[in-house]
Structures are given as structure tokens and as C-alpha cells.
Amino acid sequence: MEINIIEDKKNKMVFEIKGEDHTLPNALTKELWGINGVKVAAYGIDHPLMGSPKLVIETDSSVEPRKALKSAVSSLQKKNADLLEKFKKAAK
């Protein structure tokens, strides 16, 4: 996975995640919507076979886009760890 930052301003960040499909950006946007101060969280893929997801995060002045993204990633990591633990218990 390679991340290219396209735009990085005080209240807006646009970046591309090379080598990913809809799975990761969809989960990230869902988590971002749950963070206070996030006004826009969306992604798009220019071409379904050859394109890479581009994510847009816009915030109000209460949170910076990078901090919101870090928070969303941390939340996803925790949820995935919980899911893995539950799966391990159920698979015994």
C-alpha cells in the first residue's frame, strides 16, 4: 500500500491509496463520519479496474484532518482486534 497526499490544508486533506479497492476507504469514511468536527468524508475511484481510491476529508476548525484520520485508523484497529479475538474464541 502506498499513500500519496494530493492536498493538505488546515481543514481539508485529499490523498490516494494505491493498491487498495473499496474495502479500506469505505471503512475509513464510515469511521470518519463518527468523529466530531468532520464535515466531509468521502472517496472515489476514477476507474474501477485501474484507479486508486482518493479520499477527501474536510473538517471544521475543531479538528485537523490528519488527527481525524489517525483517530479513525485507531478505531478500526481496535474493532479489528476485537473481531479477531471473538473469532478465535468461537473457532475453538
C-alpha atoms as a PDB file:
ATOM      1  CA  MET A   1       0.000   0.000   0.000  1.00  0.00           C
ATOM      2  CA  GLU A   2       1.285   3.436  -0.944  1.00  0.00           C
ATOM      3  CA  ILE A   3      -0.272   6.716   0.200  1.00  0.00           C
ATOM      4  CA  ASN A   4       0.133   9.887  -1.858  1.00  0.00           C
ATOM      5  CA  ILE A   5      -1.048  13.156  -0.360  1.00  0.00           C
ATOM      6  CA  ILE A   6      -2.577  15.316  -3.061  1.00  0.00           C
ATOM      7  CA  GLU A   7      -3.786  18.234  -0.933  1.00  0.00           C
ATOM      8  CA  ASP A   8      -3.042  19.043   2.686  1.00  0.00           C
ATOM      9  CA  LYS A   9      -4.590  22.223   4.082  1.00  0.00           C
ATOM     10  CA  LYS A  10      -5.749  23.299   7.517  1.00  0.00           C
ATOM     11  CA  ASN A  11      -9.295  21.955   7.119  1.00  0.00           C
ATOM     12  CA  LYS A  12      -9.017  19.732   4.044  1.00  0.00           C
ATOM     13  CA  MET A  13      -6.964  16.725   3.066  1.00  0.00           C
ATOM     14  CA  VAL A  14      -7.059  14.706  -0.160  1.00  0.00           C
ATOM     15  CA  PHE A  15      -4.971  11.585  -0.550  1.00  0.00           C
ATOM     16  CA  GLU A  16      -4.733   8.494  -2.711  1.00  0.00           C
ATOM     17  CA  ILE A  17      -4.263   4.923  -1.509  1.00  0.00           C
ATOM     18  CA  LYS A  18      -2.542   2.910  -4.220  1.00  0.00           C
ATOM     19  CA  GLY A  19      -3.080  -0.816  -4.300  1.00  0.00           C
ATOM     20  CA  GLU A  20      -6.433  -0.761  -2.491  1.00  0.00           C
ATOM     21  CA  ASP A  21     -10.007  -1.377  -3.582  1.00  0.00           C
ATOM     22  CA  HIS A  22     -13.227  -0.178  -1.918  1.00  0.00           C
ATOM     23  CA  THR A  23     -12.715  -2.076   1.350  1.00  0.00           C
ATOM     24  CA  LEU A  24     -10.304   0.188   3.238  1.00  0.00           C
ATOM     25  CA  PRO A  25     -11.580   3.587   2.060  1.00  0.00           C
ATOM     26  CA  ASN A  26     -15.173   2.558   2.736  1.00  0.00           C
ATOM     27  CA  ALA A  27     -14.306   1.571   6.313  1.00  0.00           C
ATOM     28  CA  LEU A  28     -12.261   4.756   6.822  1.00  0.00           C
ATOM     29  CA  THR A  29     -15.024   7.051   5.607  1.00  0.00           C
ATOM     30  CA  LYS A  30     -17.535   5.318   7.866  1.00  0.00           C
ATOM     31  CA  GLU A  31     -15.260   5.818  10.886  1.00  0.00           C
ATOM     32  CA  LEU A  32     -14.518   9.422   9.925  1.00  0.00           C
ATOM     33  CA  TRP A  33     -18.236  10.258   9.906  1.00  0.00           C
ATOM     34  CA  GLY A  34     -18.333   9.341  13.591  1.00  0.00           C
ATOM     35  CA  ILE A  35     -15.670  11.874  14.567  1.00  0.00           C
ATOM     36  CA  ASN A  36     -16.820  15.257  15.837  1.00  0.00           C
ATOM     37  CA  GLY A  37     -15.686  18.072  13.593  1.00  0.00           C
ATOM     38  CA  VAL A  38     -15.613  16.072  10.353  1.00  0.00           C
ATOM     39  CA  LYS A  39     -17.848  17.773   7.795  1.00  0.00           C
ATOM     40  CA  VAL A  40     -16.975  15.696   4.715  1.00  0.00           C
ATOM     41  CA  ALA A  41     -15.554  12.192   4.457  1.00  0.00           C
ATOM     42  CA  ALA A  42     -15.803  10.555   1.055  1.00  0.00           C
ATOM     43  CA  TYR A  43     -13.834   8.637  -1.512  1.00  0.00           C
ATOM     44  CA  GLY A  44     -13.973   7.881  -5.192  1.00  0.00           C
ATOM     45  CA  ILE A  45     -12.210   5.661  -7.681  1.00  0.00           C
ATOM     46  CA  ASP A  46     -11.730   7.129 -11.170  1.00  0.00           C
ATOM     47  CA  HIS A  47     -11.595   3.777 -12.967  1.00  0.00           C
ATOM     48  CA  PRO A  48     -12.902   0.529 -11.453  1.00  0.00           C
ATOM     49  CA  LEU A  49     -10.089  -1.639 -12.847  1.00  0.00           C
ATOM     50  CA  MET A  50      -7.084   0.655 -12.837  1.00  0.00           C
ATOM     51  CA  GLY A  51      -7.899   3.507 -10.469  1.00  0.00           C
ATOM     52  CA  SER A  52      -6.845   4.038  -6.883  1.00  0.00           C
ATOM     53  CA  PRO A  53      -9.187   5.376  -4.196  1.00  0.00           C
ATOM     54  CA  LYS A  54      -8.926   9.092  -3.475  1.00  0.00           C
ATOM     55  CA  LEU A  55     -10.201  10.151  -0.062  1.00  0.00           C
ATOM     56  CA  VAL A  56     -11.369  13.630   0.876  1.00  0.00           C
ATOM     57  CA  ILE A  57     -11.599  14.764   4.483  1.00  0.00           C
ATOM     58  CA  GLU A  58     -12.939  18.218   5.361  1.00  0.00           C
ATOM     59  CA  THR A  59     -13.290  19.413   8.929  1.00  0.00           C
ATOM     60  CA  ASP A  60     -14.386  22.429  10.879  1.00  0.00           C
ATOM     61  CA  SER A  61     -11.765  24.222  12.958  1.00  0.00           C
ATOM     62  CA  SER A  62     -12.226  21.889  15.952  1.00  0.00           C
ATOM     63  CA  VAL A  63     -10.121  19.056  14.492  1.00  0.00           C
ATOM     64  CA  GLU A  64      -7.409  18.765  11.853  1.00  0.00           C
ATOM     65  CA  PRO A  65      -7.937  16.260   9.020  1.00  0.00           C
ATOM     66  CA  ARG A  66      -4.752  14.316   9.890  1.00  0.00           C
ATOM     67  CA  LYS A  67      -5.820  13.943  13.511  1.00  0.00           C
ATOM     68  CA  ALA A  68      -9.285  12.807  12.438  1.00  0.00           C
ATOM     69  CA  LEU A  69      -7.708  10.244  10.093  1.00  0.00           C
ATOM     70  CA  LYS A  70      -5.410   8.952  12.842  1.00  0.00           C
ATOM     71  CA  SER A  71      -8.392   8.613  15.149  1.00  0.00           C
ATOM     72  CA  ALA A  72     -10.372   6.712  12.501  1.00  0.00           C
ATOM     73  CA  VAL A  73      -7.455   4.347  11.856  1.00  0.00           C
ATOM     74  CA  SER A  74      -7.022   3.702  15.594  1.00  0.00           C
ATOM     75  CA  SER A  75     -10.718   2.956  15.941  1.00  0.00           C
ATOM     76  CA  LEU A  76     -10.608   0.492  13.031  1.00  0.00           C
ATOM     77  CA  GLN A  77      -7.564  -1.225  14.505  1.00  0.00           C
ATOM     78  CA  LYS A  78      -9.370  -1.683  17.817  1.00  0.00           C
ATOM     79  CA  LYS A  79     -12.505  -3.026  16.128  1.00  0.00           C
ATOM     80  CA  ASN A  80     -10.444  -5.464  14.051  1.00  0.00           C
ATOM     81  CA  ALA A  81      -8.557  -6.684  17.129  1.00  0.00           C
ATOM     82  CA  ASP A  82     -11.872  -7.238  18.942  1.00  0.00           C
ATOM     83  CA  LEU A  83     -13.290  -9.116  15.955  1.00  0.00           C
ATOM     84  CA  LEU A  84     -10.189 -11.303  15.706  1.00  0.00           C
ATOM     85  CA  GLU A  85     -10.383 -12.152  19.414  1.00  0.00           C
ATOM     86  CA  LYS A  86     -14.079 -13.068  19.141  1.00  0.00           C
ATOM     87  CA  PHE A  87     -13.369 -15.191  16.105  1.00  0.00           C
ATOM     88  CA  LYS A  88     -10.558 -17.037  17.865  1.00  0.00           C
ATOM     89  CA  LYS A  89     -12.860 -17.822  20.790  1.00  0.00           C
ATOM     90  CA  ALA A  90     -15.656 -19.014  18.515  1.00  0.00           C
ATOM     91  CA  ALA A  91     -13.332 -21.143  16.384  1.00  0.00           C
ATOM     92  CA  LYS A  92     -12.036 -23.238  19.326  1.00  0.00           C
END
